[in-house]
Amino acid sequence: MKMHLVPRPLLYVEAVAEHGSVQAASRALGIAASAIDRHIKALEEANRAPLFERLPRGMRPTAAGEAVVVMARRWRSDAERLETDLQEMRGQERGSVRLAAMDSMANGVLEDLHVWLREEHPHLRLNLDIVPPSQAARQLDEGAVEVAMAFDMPRLRHQHVMWIDKLRFGCIVAPEHPLGAEAEVSLSRLSGHALVSQSARLPIRQYMDNRHAWFFAENVPVLASNSLQVLKRALLRGDVAMITSELDVLPELRSGDLVFLPLKDKGLVPPTISVVIDARRTLSRAARLVAEYLVERTGGLLAEAREDS
């Protein structure tokens, strides 16, 4: 039986912050709006500080409200961890694991993780958030997730890095692309070829814009998107190229649908991929299983791809 250990006022504050209004939170929770509003006002009166800015089109958390939301998420995380620990003490392999990862892994190692859990640990539940690296680090610090896997994770004080590896940085094309038979390429060699690119707010594009701004200034992408799946579909057509890391296209490299061409320019700093946990919190057995699988599977896939190239 699921325990309900998170105080209702905290749940209500979290819901209003997430959905943007008392009415939207009411619909999401199935709780009367008047009850939610009453609990929030009681918290504000008790703490002598507003938790939300009341705006014409909704509510936005104040600094105090954000602190309460963080507390709610940590409380929920601790409650779920306690429930999992108690089940393990009873000899039951049950519970849930909260993982933050990136879109680039969605049809690769994360899909493999889901299949492995269903086959080997069918009673474990996986709650997966697809987020950028900075948000993955923040969620881990706040206790919203137990495990984070991302590129160039911002280093925070209480992180414990279970595994880290440098990724190769290169150009991705289809085998039939004019560059498909090259052993390696340079940025200048790519000039004049049609490019697709990740959008400017994603890590690899930000790195290129900061360190090699001339390249995209002279070679404006024909397609820029925050969806890696959209970009890969464009690459498979055979007439465009993309600069990214090998992990972004690992399944397609393994199948031979795409080709990885290392960039030989000096000064290119390869991104890293890491699996990180919070050293302040005891990791549940379920979360450790997931983290160890991610380390072993990702490391194995990268080694396999590098042997074949």
C-alpha atoms as a PDB file:
ATOM      1  CA  MET A   1       0.000   0.000   0.000  1.00  0.00           C
ATOM      2  CA  LYS A   2       1.404   3.376  -0.987  1.00  0.00           C
ATOM      3  CA  MET A   3       2.244   5.656   1.920  1.00  0.00           C
ATOM      4  CA  HIS A   4       1.212   9.308   1.791  1.00  0.00           C
ATOM      5  CA  LEU A   5       3.935  11.062   3.773  1.00  0.00           C
ATOM      6  CA  VAL A   6       4.166  14.417   1.993  1.00  0.00           C
ATOM      7  CA  PRO A   7       2.069  17.066   3.794  1.00  0.00           C
ATOM      8  CA  ARG A   8      -0.847  18.276   1.711  1.00  0.00           C
ATOM      9  CA  PRO A   9       0.110  21.981   1.880  1.00  0.00           C
ATOM     10  CA  LEU A  10       3.462  21.161   0.273  1.00  0.00           C
ATOM     11  CA  LEU A  11       1.738  19.166  -2.464  1.00  0.00           C
ATOM     12  CA  TYR A  12      -0.589  22.079  -3.149  1.00  0.00           C
ATOM     13  CA  VAL A  13       2.232  24.631  -3.382  1.00  0.00           C
ATOM     14  CA  GLU A  14       4.134  22.327  -5.740  1.00  0.00           C
ATOM     15  CA  ALA A  15       1.058  21.810  -7.924  1.00  0.00           C
ATOM     16  CA  VAL A  16       0.287  25.529  -8.197  1.00  0.00           C
ATOM     17  CA  ALA A  17       3.925  26.253  -9.076  1.00  0.00           C
ATOM     18  CA  GLU A  18       3.864  23.546 -11.743  1.00  0.00           C
ATOM     19  CA  HIS A  19       0.495  24.376 -13.307  1.00  0.00           C
ATOM     20  CA  GLY A  20       0.540  28.154 -12.897  1.00  0.00           C
ATOM     21  CA  SER A  21      -2.735  28.735 -11.048  1.00  0.00           C
ATOM     22  CA  VAL A  22      -4.936  27.419  -8.254  1.00  0.00           C
ATOM     23  CA  GLN A  23      -7.618  26.442 -10.766  1.00  0.00           C
ATOM     24  CA  ALA A  24      -5.203  24.432 -12.921  1.00  0.00           C
ATOM     25  CA  ALA A  25      -3.762  22.729  -9.827  1.00  0.00           C
ATOM     26  CA  SER A  26      -7.306  21.933  -8.697  1.00  0.00           C
ATOM     27  CA  ARG A  27      -8.043  20.179 -11.985  1.00  0.00           C
ATOM     28  CA  ALA A  28      -4.760  18.259 -11.896  1.00  0.00           C
ATOM     29  CA  LEU A  29      -5.158  17.069  -8.293  1.00  0.00           C
ATOM     30  CA  GLY A  30      -8.922  16.650  -8.212  1.00  0.00           C
ATOM     31  CA  ILE A  31      -9.048  18.873  -5.108  1.00  0.00           C
ATOM     32  CA  ALA A  32     -11.341  21.868  -4.631  1.00  0.00           C
ATOM     33  CA  ALA A  33      -9.662  25.141  -5.563  1.00  0.00           C
ATOM     34  CA  SER A  34     -10.908  26.711  -2.332  1.00  0.00           C
ATOM     35  CA  ALA A  35      -9.114  24.046  -0.270  1.00  0.00           C
ATOM     36  CA  ILE A  36      -5.836  24.570  -2.141  1.00  0.00           C
ATOM     37  CA  ASP A  37      -6.109  28.348  -1.795  1.00  0.00           C
ATOM     38  CA  ARG A  38      -6.890  28.060   1.928  1.00  0.00           C
ATOM     39  CA  HIS A  39      -3.825  25.894   2.640  1.00  0.00           C
ATOM     40  CA  ILE A  40      -1.508  28.181   0.670  1.00  0.00           C
ATOM     41  CA  LYS A  41      -2.778  31.300   2.439  1.00  0.00           C
ATOM     42  CA  ALA A  42      -2.336  29.571   5.808  1.00  0.00           C
ATOM     43  CA  LEU A  43       1.301  28.818   4.931  1.00  0.00           C
ATOM     44  CA  GLU A  44       1.855  32.413   3.849  1.00  0.00           C
ATOM     45  CA  GLU A  45       0.367  33.751   7.073  1.00  0.00           C
ATOM     46  CA  ALA A  46       2.394  31.343   9.209  1.00  0.00           C
ATOM     47  CA  ASN A  47       5.636  32.293   7.451  1.00  0.00           C
ATOM     48  CA  ARG A  48       4.774  35.998   7.066  1.00  0.00           C
ATOM     49  CA  ALA A  49       5.885  35.866   3.438  1.00  0.00           C
ATOM     50  CA  PRO A  50       4.007  35.472   0.145  1.00  0.00           C
ATOM     51  CA  LEU A  51       4.707  32.215  -1.650  1.00  0.00           C
ATOM     52  CA  PHE A  52       3.310  33.399  -4.985  1.00  0.00           C
ATOM     53  CA  GLU A  53       3.000  36.532  -7.034  1.00  0.00           C
ATOM     54  CA  ARG A  54      -0.667  36.903  -7.999  1.00  0.00           C
ATOM     55  CA  LEU A  55      -0.564  37.902 -11.668  1.00  0.00           C
ATOM     56  CA  PRO A  56      -3.459  38.706 -14.033  1.00  0.00           C
ATOM     57  CA  ARG A  57      -2.908  35.404 -15.838  1.00  0.00           C
ATOM     58  CA  GLY A  58      -1.832  33.096 -13.062  1.00  0.00           C
ATOM     59  CA  MET A  59       0.562  32.694 -10.163  1.00  0.00           C
ATOM     60  CA  ARG A  60       4.364  32.662 -10.096  1.00  0.00           C
ATOM     61  CA  PRO A  61       6.427  31.432  -7.100  1.00  0.00           C
ATOM     62  CA  THR A  62       8.379  34.005  -5.122  1.00  0.00           C
ATOM     63  CA  ALA A  63      11.819  33.152  -3.738  1.00  0.00           C
ATOM     64  CA  ALA A  64      10.053  31.818  -0.633  1.00  0.00           C
ATOM     65  CA  GLY A  65       7.693  29.818  -2.832  1.00  0.00           C
ATOM     66  CA  GLU A  66      10.587  28.290  -4.768  1.00  0.00           C
ATOM     67  CA  ALA A  67      12.157  27.232  -1.468  1.00  0.00           C
ATOM     68  CA  VAL A  68       8.915  25.507  -0.461  1.00  0.00           C
ATOM     69  CA  VAL A  69       8.743  23.742  -3.843  1.00  0.00           C
ATOM     70  CA  VAL A  70      12.290  22.442  -3.362  1.00  0.00           C
ATOM     71  CA  MET A  71      11.313  21.211   0.112  1.00  0.00           C
ATOM     72  CA  ALA A  72       8.254  19.460  -1.335  1.00  0.00           C
ATOM     73  CA  ARG A  73      10.354  17.671  -3.945  1.00  0.00           C
ATOM     74  CA  ARG A  74      12.929  16.576  -1.389  1.00  0.00           C
ATOM     75  CA  TRP A  75      10.184  15.384   0.946  1.00  0.00           C
ATOM     76  CA  ARG A  76       8.606  13.391  -1.892  1.00  0.00           C
ATOM     77  CA  SER A  77      11.987  11.933  -2.817  1.00  0.00           C
ATOM     78  CA  ASP A  78      12.671  10.879   0.773  1.00  0.00           C
ATOM     79  CA  ALA A  79       9.180   9.367   1.090  1.00  0.00           C
ATOM     80  CA  GLU A  80       9.617   7.320  -2.092  1.00  0.00           C
ATOM     81  CA  ARG A  81      13.066   6.201  -0.970  1.00  0.00           C
ATOM     82  CA  LEU A  82      11.677   5.113   2.409  1.00  0.00           C
ATOM     83  CA  GLU A  83       8.908   3.151   0.726  1.00  0.00           C
ATOM     84  CA  THR A  84      11.429   1.421  -1.547  1.00  0.00           C
ATOM     85  CA  ASP A  85      13.729   0.636   1.406  1.00  0.00           C
ATOM     86  CA  LEU A  86      10.865  -0.879   3.403  1.00  0.00           C
ATOM     87  CA  GLN A  87       9.881  -3.054   0.452  1.00  0.00           C
ATOM     88  CA  GLU A  88      13.471  -4.227   0.089  1.00  0.00           C
ATOM     89  CA  MET A  89      13.544  -5.081   3.810  1.00  0.00           C
ATOM     90  CA  ARG A  90      10.502  -7.284   3.222  1.00  0.00           C
ATOM     91  CA  GLY A  91      12.358  -9.037   0.430  1.00  0.00           C
ATOM     92  CA  GLN A  92      10.313  -7.405  -2.308  1.00  0.00           C
ATOM     93  CA  GLU A  93      12.034  -6.007  -5.378  1.00  0.00           C
ATOM     94  CA  ARG A  94       9.711  -3.088  -5.875  1.00  0.00           C
ATOM     95  CA  GLY A  95       9.920   0.664  -5.887  1.00  0.00           C
ATOM     96  CA  SER A  96      10.623   3.476  -8.302  1.00  0.00           C
ATOM     97  CA  VAL A  97      13.727   5.161  -9.664  1.00  0.00           C
ATOM     98  CA  ARG A  98      13.835   8.805 -10.735  1.00  0.00           C
ATOM     99  CA  LEU A  99      16.298   9.475 -13.548  1.00  0.00           C
ATOM    100  CA  ALA A 100      17.220  12.690 -15.372  1.00  0.00           C
ATOM    101  CA  ALA A 101      18.766  12.252 -18.816  1.00  0.00           C
ATOM    102  CA  MET A 102      18.936  13.876 -22.247  1.00  0.00           C
ATOM    103  CA  ASP A 103      16.986  13.550 -25.463  1.00  0.00           C
ATOM    104  CA  SER A 104      20.064  12.227 -27.279  1.00  0.00           C
ATOM    105  CA  MET A 105      19.799   8.951 -25.353  1.00  0.00           C
ATOM    106  CA  ALA A 106      16.079   8.415 -25.924  1.00  0.00           C
ATOM    107  CA  ASN A 107      16.310   5.822 -28.689  1.00  0.00           C
ATOM    108  CA  GLY A 108      19.581   4.321 -27.506  1.00  0.00           C
ATOM    109  CA  VAL A 109      20.684   3.476 -23.992  1.00  0.00           C
ATOM    110  CA  LEU A 110      17.434   4.679 -22.370  1.00  0.00           C
ATOM    111  CA  GLU A 111      15.387   2.406 -24.602  1.00  0.00           C
ATOM    112  CA  ASP A 112      17.756  -0.440 -23.694  1.00  0.00           C
ATOM    113  CA  LEU A 113      17.311   0.424 -20.004  1.00  0.00           C
ATOM    114  CA  HIS A 114      13.523   0.178 -20.283  1.00  0.00           C
ATOM    115  CA  VAL A 115      13.725  -3.210 -22.020  1.00  0.00           C
ATOM    116  CA  TRP A 116      16.212  -4.511 -19.425  1.00  0.00           C
ATOM    117  CA  LEU A 117      14.036  -3.406 -16.514  1.00  0.00           C
ATOM    118  CA  ARG A 118      10.942  -5.046 -18.021  1.00  0.00           C
ATOM    119  CA  GLU A 119      12.815  -8.306 -18.600  1.00  0.00           C
ATOM    120  CA  GLU A 120      15.015  -8.508 -15.497  1.00  0.00           C
ATOM    121  CA  HIS A 121      13.272  -6.335 -12.881  1.00  0.00           C
ATOM    122  CA  PRO A 122       9.596  -6.075 -13.896  1.00  0.00           C
ATOM    123  CA  HIS A 123       8.447  -4.709 -10.534  1.00  0.00           C
ATOM    124  CA  LEU A 124      10.696  -1.642 -10.658  1.00  0.00           C
ATOM    125  CA  ARG A 125       9.202   1.579 -12.013  1.00  0.00           C
ATOM    126  CA  LEU A 126      11.243   4.156 -13.909  1.00  0.00           C
ATOM    127  CA  ASN A 127      10.333   7.851 -13.796  1.00  0.00           C
ATOM    128  CA  LEU A 128      12.365   9.526 -16.543  1.00  0.00           C
ATOM    129  CA  ASP A 129      12.776  13.282 -17.089  1.00  0.00           C
ATOM    130  CA  ILE A 130      14.352  14.449 -20.365  1.00  0.00           C
ATOM    131  CA  VAL A 131      16.125  17.702 -19.472  1.00  0.00           C
ATOM    132  CA  PRO A 132      19.243  19.739 -20.378  1.00  0.00           C
ATOM    133  CA  PRO A 133      22.418  19.150 -18.295  1.00  0.00           C
ATOM    134  CA  SER A 134      21.986  22.219 -16.066  1.00  0.00           C
ATOM    135  CA  GLN A 135      18.478  21.127 -15.103  1.00  0.00           C
ATOM    136  CA  ALA A 136      19.634  17.545 -14.507  1.00  0.00           C
ATOM    137  CA  ALA A 137      22.236  18.843 -12.049  1.00  0.00           C
ATOM    138  CA  ARG A 138      19.663  21.037 -10.322  1.00  0.00           C
ATOM    139  CA  GLN A 139      17.105  18.225 -10.029  1.00  0.00           C
ATOM    140  CA  LEU A 140      19.759  15.968  -8.517  1.00  0.00           C
ATOM    141  CA  ASP A 141      20.747  18.646  -5.998  1.00  0.00           C
ATOM    142  CA  GLU A 142      17.101  19.266  -5.059  1.00  0.00           C
ATOM    143  CA  GLY A 143      16.368  15.565  -4.611  1.00  0.00           C
ATOM    144  CA  ALA A 144      13.865  15.447  -7.466  1.00  0.00           C
ATOM    145  CA  VAL A 145      15.876  12.625  -9.097  1.00  0.00           C
ATOM    146  CA  GLU A 146      18.237   9.980  -7.736  1.00  0.00           C
ATOM    147  CA  VAL A 147      20.437   9.526 -10.804  1.00  0.00           C
ATOM    148  CA  ALA A 148      21.455  11.986 -13.523  1.00  0.00           C
ATOM    149  CA  MET A 149      23.142  11.234 -16.836  1.00  0.00           C
ATOM    150  CA  ALA A 150      24.126  14.135 -19.079  1.00  0.00           C
ATOM    151  CA  PHE A 151      26.796  15.899 -21.122  1.00  0.00           C
ATOM    152  CA  ASP A 152      29.229  18.205 -19.318  1.00  0.00           C
ATOM    153  CA  MET A 153      27.314  18.086 -16.041  1.00  0.00           C
ATOM    154  CA  PRO A 154      27.852  21.228 -13.946  1.00  0.00           C
ATOM    155  CA  ARG A 155      29.904  20.200 -10.908  1.00  0.00           C
ATOM    156  CA  LEU A 156      28.049  20.775  -7.662  1.00  0.00           C
ATOM    157  CA  ARG A 157      29.436  20.265  -4.193  1.00  0.00           C
ATOM    158  CA  HIS A 158      27.590  17.119  -3.174  1.00  0.00           C
ATOM    159  CA  GLN A 159      27.777  15.210  -6.449  1.00  0.00           C
ATOM    160  CA  HIS A 160      29.428  11.823  -6.703  1.00  0.00           C
ATOM    161  CA  VAL A 161      30.477  10.922 -10.243  1.00  0.00           C
ATOM    162  CA  MET A 162      30.033   7.174 -10.704  1.00  0.00           C
ATOM    163  CA  TRP A 163      31.423   7.237 -14.242  1.00  0.00           C
ATOM    164  CA  ILE A 164      32.679   9.768 -16.770  1.00  0.00           C
ATOM    165  CA  ASP A 165      34.044   9.459 -20.291  1.00  0.00           C
ATOM    166  CA  LYS A 166      35.205  11.850 -22.994  1.00  0.00           C
ATOM    167  CA  LEU A 167      33.156  11.714 -26.175  1.00  0.00           C
ATOM    168  CA  ARG A 168      34.458  12.110 -29.692  1.00  0.00           C
ATOM    169  CA  PHE A 169      33.406  15.304 -31.427  1.00  0.00           C
ATOM    170  CA  GLY A 170      32.758  15.038 -35.129  1.00  0.00           C
ATOM    171  CA  CYS A 171      30.700  15.429 -38.267  1.00  0.00           C
ATOM    172  CA  ILE A 172      27.753  13.104 -38.887  1.00  0.00           C
ATOM    173  CA  VAL A 173      26.627  12.238 -42.417  1.00  0.00           C
ATOM    174  CA  ALA A 174      24.848   9.437 -44.235  1.00  0.00           C
ATOM    175  CA  PRO A 175      27.135   6.962 -46.081  1.00  0.00           C
ATOM    176  CA  GLU A 176      26.027   8.319 -49.481  1.00  0.00           C
ATOM    177  CA  HIS A 177      26.844  11.944 -48.557  1.00  0.00           C
ATOM    178  CA  PRO A 178      29.739  13.465 -50.569  1.00  0.00           C
ATOM    179  CA  LEU A 179      31.844  13.404 -47.378  1.00  0.00           C
ATOM    180  CA  GLY A 180      30.772   9.888 -46.401  1.00  0.00           C
ATOM    181  CA  ALA A 181      33.995   8.205 -47.547  1.00  0.00           C
ATOM    182  CA  GLU A 182      36.319  10.637 -45.737  1.00  0.00           C
ATOM    183  CA  ALA A 183      38.392   9.359 -42.797  1.00  0.00           C
ATOM    184  CA  GLU A 184      38.208  12.720 -41.017  1.00  0.00           C
ATOM    185  CA  VAL A 185      37.238  16.305 -41.815  1.00  0.00           C
ATOM    186  CA  SER A 186      37.932  19.863 -40.691  1.00  0.00           C
ATOM    187  CA  LEU A 187      35.538  22.728 -40.104  1.00  0.00           C
ATOM    188  CA  SER A 188      36.858  24.470 -43.211  1.00  0.00           C
ATOM    189  CA  ARG A 189      36.233  21.299 -45.243  1.00  0.00           C
ATOM    190  CA  LEU A 190      32.587  21.406 -44.154  1.00  0.00           C
ATOM    191  CA  SER A 191      32.118  24.943 -45.472  1.00  0.00           C
ATOM    192  CA  GLY A 192      29.791  24.953 -48.437  1.00  0.00           C
ATOM    193  CA  HIS A 193      27.963  21.771 -47.423  1.00  0.00           C
ATOM    194  CA  ALA A 194      24.372  22.037 -46.213  1.00  0.00           C
ATOM    195  CA  LEU A 195      24.228  21.703 -42.422  1.00  0.00           C
ATOM    196  CA  VAL A 196      21.641  20.901 -39.794  1.00  0.00           C
ATOM    197  CA  SER A 197      22.262  21.903 -36.196  1.00  0.00           C
ATOM    198  CA  GLN A 198      20.982  21.689 -32.671  1.00  0.00           C
ATOM    199  CA  SER A 199      19.258  24.888 -31.556  1.00  0.00           C
ATOM    200  CA  ALA A 200      21.318  27.644 -29.954  1.00  0.00           C
ATOM    201  CA  ARG A 201      20.248  26.801 -26.388  1.00  0.00           C
ATOM    202  CA  LEU A 202      21.621  23.237 -26.460  1.00  0.00           C
ATOM    203  CA  PRO A 203      25.126  22.501 -25.081  1.00  0.00           C
ATOM    204  CA  ILE A 204      27.019  21.460 -28.216  1.00  0.00           C
ATOM    205  CA  ARG A 205      25.691  24.359 -30.296  1.00  0.00           C
ATOM    206  CA  GLN A 206      26.500  26.750 -27.425  1.00  0.00           C
ATOM    207  CA  TYR A 207      30.054  25.401 -27.345  1.00  0.00           C
ATOM    208  CA  MET A 208      30.462  25.909 -31.098  1.00  0.00           C
ATOM    209  CA  ASP A 209      29.004  29.417 -30.934  1.00  0.00           C
ATOM    210  CA  ASN A 210      31.328  30.375 -28.059  1.00  0.00           C
ATOM    211  CA  ARG A 211      34.552  28.846 -29.387  1.00  0.00           C
ATOM    212  CA  HIS A 212      34.083  28.778 -33.169  1.00  0.00           C
ATOM    213  CA  ALA A 213      31.511  31.498 -33.827  1.00  0.00           C
ATOM    214  CA  TRP A 214      32.790  32.060 -37.373  1.00  0.00           C
ATOM    215  CA  PHE A 215      31.656  28.626 -38.487  1.00  0.00           C
ATOM    216  CA  PHE A 216      27.890  29.035 -38.149  1.00  0.00           C
ATOM    217  CA  ALA A 217      28.150  32.710 -39.110  1.00  0.00           C
ATOM    218  CA  GLU A 218      29.538  31.587 -42.474  1.00  0.00           C
ATOM    219  CA  ASN A 219      27.517  28.362 -42.706  1.00  0.00           C
ATOM    220  CA  VAL A 220      23.956  29.063 -41.586  1.00  0.00           C
ATOM    221  CA  PRO A 221      22.157  25.736 -40.942  1.00  0.00           C
ATOM    222  CA  VAL A 222      19.281  24.878 -43.250  1.00  0.00           C
ATOM    223  CA  LEU A 223      17.576  23.371 -40.189  1.00  0.00           C
ATOM    224  CA  ALA A 224      18.083  24.103 -36.478  1.00  0.00           C
ATOM    225  CA  SER A 225      16.045  22.204 -33.900  1.00  0.00           C
ATOM    226  CA  ASN A 226      15.999  21.192 -30.248  1.00  0.00           C
ATOM    227  CA  SER A 227      14.738  17.758 -31.358  1.00  0.00           C
ATOM    228  CA  LEU A 228      17.571  15.346 -32.049  1.00  0.00           C
ATOM    229  CA  GLN A 229      15.122  12.917 -33.624  1.00  0.00           C
ATOM    230  CA  VAL A 230      14.112  15.528 -36.239  1.00  0.00           C
ATOM    231  CA  LEU A 231      17.768  16.240 -37.026  1.00  0.00           C
ATOM    232  CA  LYS A 232      18.582  12.558 -37.422  1.00  0.00           C
ATOM    233  CA  ARG A 233      15.691  12.072 -39.829  1.00  0.00           C
ATOM    234  CA  ALA A 234      17.126  14.913 -41.909  1.00  0.00           C
ATOM    235  CA  LEU A 235      20.601  13.333 -41.848  1.00  0.00           C
ATOM    236  CA  LEU A 236      19.237  10.016 -43.078  1.00  0.00           C
ATOM    237  CA  ARG A 237      18.129  11.714 -46.315  1.00  0.00           C
ATOM    238  CA  GLY A 238      21.804  11.942 -47.225  1.00  0.00           C
ATOM    239  CA  ASP A 239      22.184  15.580 -48.290  1.00  0.00           C
ATOM    240  CA  VAL A 240      23.108  17.342 -45.022  1.00  0.00           C
ATOM    241  CA  ALA A 241      25.781  17.119 -42.308  1.00  0.00           C
ATOM    242  CA  MET A 242      25.761  17.847 -38.559  1.00  0.00           C
ATOM    243  CA  ILE A 243      28.409  18.549 -35.928  1.00  0.00           C
ATOM    244  CA  THR A 244      27.789  16.711 -32.672  1.00  0.00           C
ATOM    245  CA  SER A 245      29.122  13.974 -30.393  1.00  0.00           C
ATOM    246  CA  GLU A 246      29.135  10.268 -31.173  1.00  0.00           C
ATOM    247  CA  LEU A 247      26.638   9.508 -28.402  1.00  0.00           C
ATOM    248  CA  ASP A 248      23.911  11.537 -30.089  1.00  0.00           C
ATOM    249  CA  VAL A 249      23.786   9.081 -32.995  1.00  0.00           C
ATOM    250  CA  LEU A 250      25.061   5.864 -31.421  1.00  0.00           C
ATOM    251  CA  PRO A 251      22.191   3.606 -32.604  1.00  0.00           C
ATOM    252  CA  GLU A 252      22.548   4.874 -36.182  1.00  0.00           C
ATOM    253  CA  LEU A 253      26.336   4.411 -36.114  1.00  0.00           C
ATOM    254  CA  ARG A 254      25.898   0.824 -34.935  1.00  0.00           C
ATOM    255  CA  SER A 255      23.396   0.083 -37.696  1.00  0.00           C
ATOM    256  CA  GLY A 256      25.519   1.772 -40.374  1.00  0.00           C
ATOM    257  CA  ASP A 257      22.777   4.248 -41.274  1.00  0.00           C
ATOM    258  CA  LEU A 258      25.050   7.185 -40.379  1.00  0.00           C
ATOM    259  CA  VAL A 259      28.817   7.723 -40.424  1.00  0.00           C
ATOM    260  CA  PHE A 260      30.992   9.512 -37.846  1.00  0.00           C
ATOM    261  CA  LEU A 261      33.863  11.632 -39.206  1.00  0.00           C
ATOM    262  CA  PRO A 262      36.251  12.931 -36.505  1.00  0.00           C
ATOM    263  CA  LEU A 263      37.020  16.654 -36.639  1.00  0.00           C
ATOM    264  CA  LYS A 264      40.768  17.240 -36.893  1.00  0.00           C
ATOM    265  CA  ASP A 265      40.775  20.945 -35.965  1.00  0.00           C
ATOM    266  CA  LYS A 266      43.065  21.797 -33.067  1.00  0.00           C
ATOM    267  CA  GLY A 267      41.499  23.296 -29.957  1.00  0.00           C
ATOM    268  CA  LEU A 268      38.240  21.351 -30.088  1.00  0.00           C
ATOM    269  CA  VAL A 269      37.394  20.257 -26.548  1.00  0.00           C
ATOM    270  CA  PRO A 270      35.415  17.001 -26.497  1.00  0.00           C
ATOM    271  CA  PRO A 271      32.278  16.915 -24.344  1.00  0.00           C
ATOM    272  CA  THR A 272      32.009  14.451 -21.472  1.00  0.00           C
ATOM    273  CA  ILE A 273      29.204  12.099 -20.498  1.00  0.00           C
ATOM    274  CA  SER A 274      28.745  11.154 -16.848  1.00  0.00           C
ATOM    275  CA  VAL A 275      26.477   9.239 -14.498  1.00  0.00           C
ATOM    276  CA  VAL A 276      26.101  11.157 -11.243  1.00  0.00           C
ATOM    277  CA  ILE A 277      24.379  10.617  -7.885  1.00  0.00           C
ATOM    278  CA  ASP A 278      24.009  12.751  -4.752  1.00  0.00           C
ATOM    279  CA  ALA A 279      26.575  11.770  -2.119  1.00  0.00           C
ATOM    280  CA  ARG A 280      24.357  13.141   0.690  1.00  0.00           C
ATOM    281  CA  ARG A 281      21.628  10.563   0.145  1.00  0.00           C
ATOM    282  CA  THR A 282      21.708   6.802   0.478  1.00  0.00           C
ATOM    283  CA  LEU A 283      21.051   5.291  -2.923  1.00  0.00           C
ATOM    284  CA  SER A 284      18.278   2.701  -2.984  1.00  0.00           C
ATOM    285  CA  ARG A 285      19.090  -0.709  -4.418  1.00  0.00           C
ATOM    286  CA  ALA A 286      16.771   0.015  -7.340  1.00  0.00           C
ATOM    287  CA  ALA A 287      18.520   3.300  -8.153  1.00  0.00           C
ATOM    288  CA  ARG A 288      21.925   1.647  -7.885  1.00  0.00           C
ATOM    289  CA  LEU A 289      20.832  -1.064 -10.323  1.00  0.00           C
ATOM    290  CA  VAL A 290      19.781   1.603 -12.821  1.00  0.00           C
ATOM    291  CA  ALA A 291      22.959   3.660 -12.383  1.00  0.00           C
ATOM    292  CA  GLU A 292      25.213   0.616 -12.760  1.00  0.00           C
ATOM    293  CA  TYR A 293      23.332  -0.512 -15.864  1.00  0.00           C
ATOM    294  CA  LEU A 294      23.743   2.931 -17.458  1.00  0.00           C
ATOM    295  CA  VAL A 295      27.485   2.883 -16.750  1.00  0.00           C
ATOM    296  CA  GLU A 296      28.016  -0.624 -18.115  1.00  0.00           C
ATOM    297  CA  ARG A 297      25.728  -0.320 -21.146  1.00  0.00           C
ATOM    298  CA  THR A 298      26.877   3.134 -22.262  1.00  0.00           C
ATOM    299  CA  GLY A 299      30.544   2.280 -21.803  1.00  0.00           C
ATOM    300  CA  GLY A 300      30.071  -0.928 -23.779  1.00  0.00           C
ATOM    301  CA  LEU A 301      28.229   0.765 -26.635  1.00  0.00           C
ATOM    302  CA  LEU A 302      30.866   3.494 -26.923  1.00  0.00           C
ATOM    303  CA  ALA A 303      33.683   0.934 -26.966  1.00  0.00           C
ATOM    304  CA  GLU A 304      31.889  -1.049 -29.661  1.00  0.00           C
ATOM    305  CA  ALA A 305      31.319   2.037 -31.823  1.00  0.00           C
ATOM    306  CA  ARG A 306      34.969   3.083 -31.530  1.00  0.00           C
ATOM    307  CA  GLU A 307      36.214  -0.367 -32.523  1.00  0.00           C
ATOM    308  CA  ASP A 308      34.075  -0.299 -35.664  1.00  0.00           C
ATOM    309  CA  SER A 309      35.200   3.168 -36.787  1.00  0.00           C
END
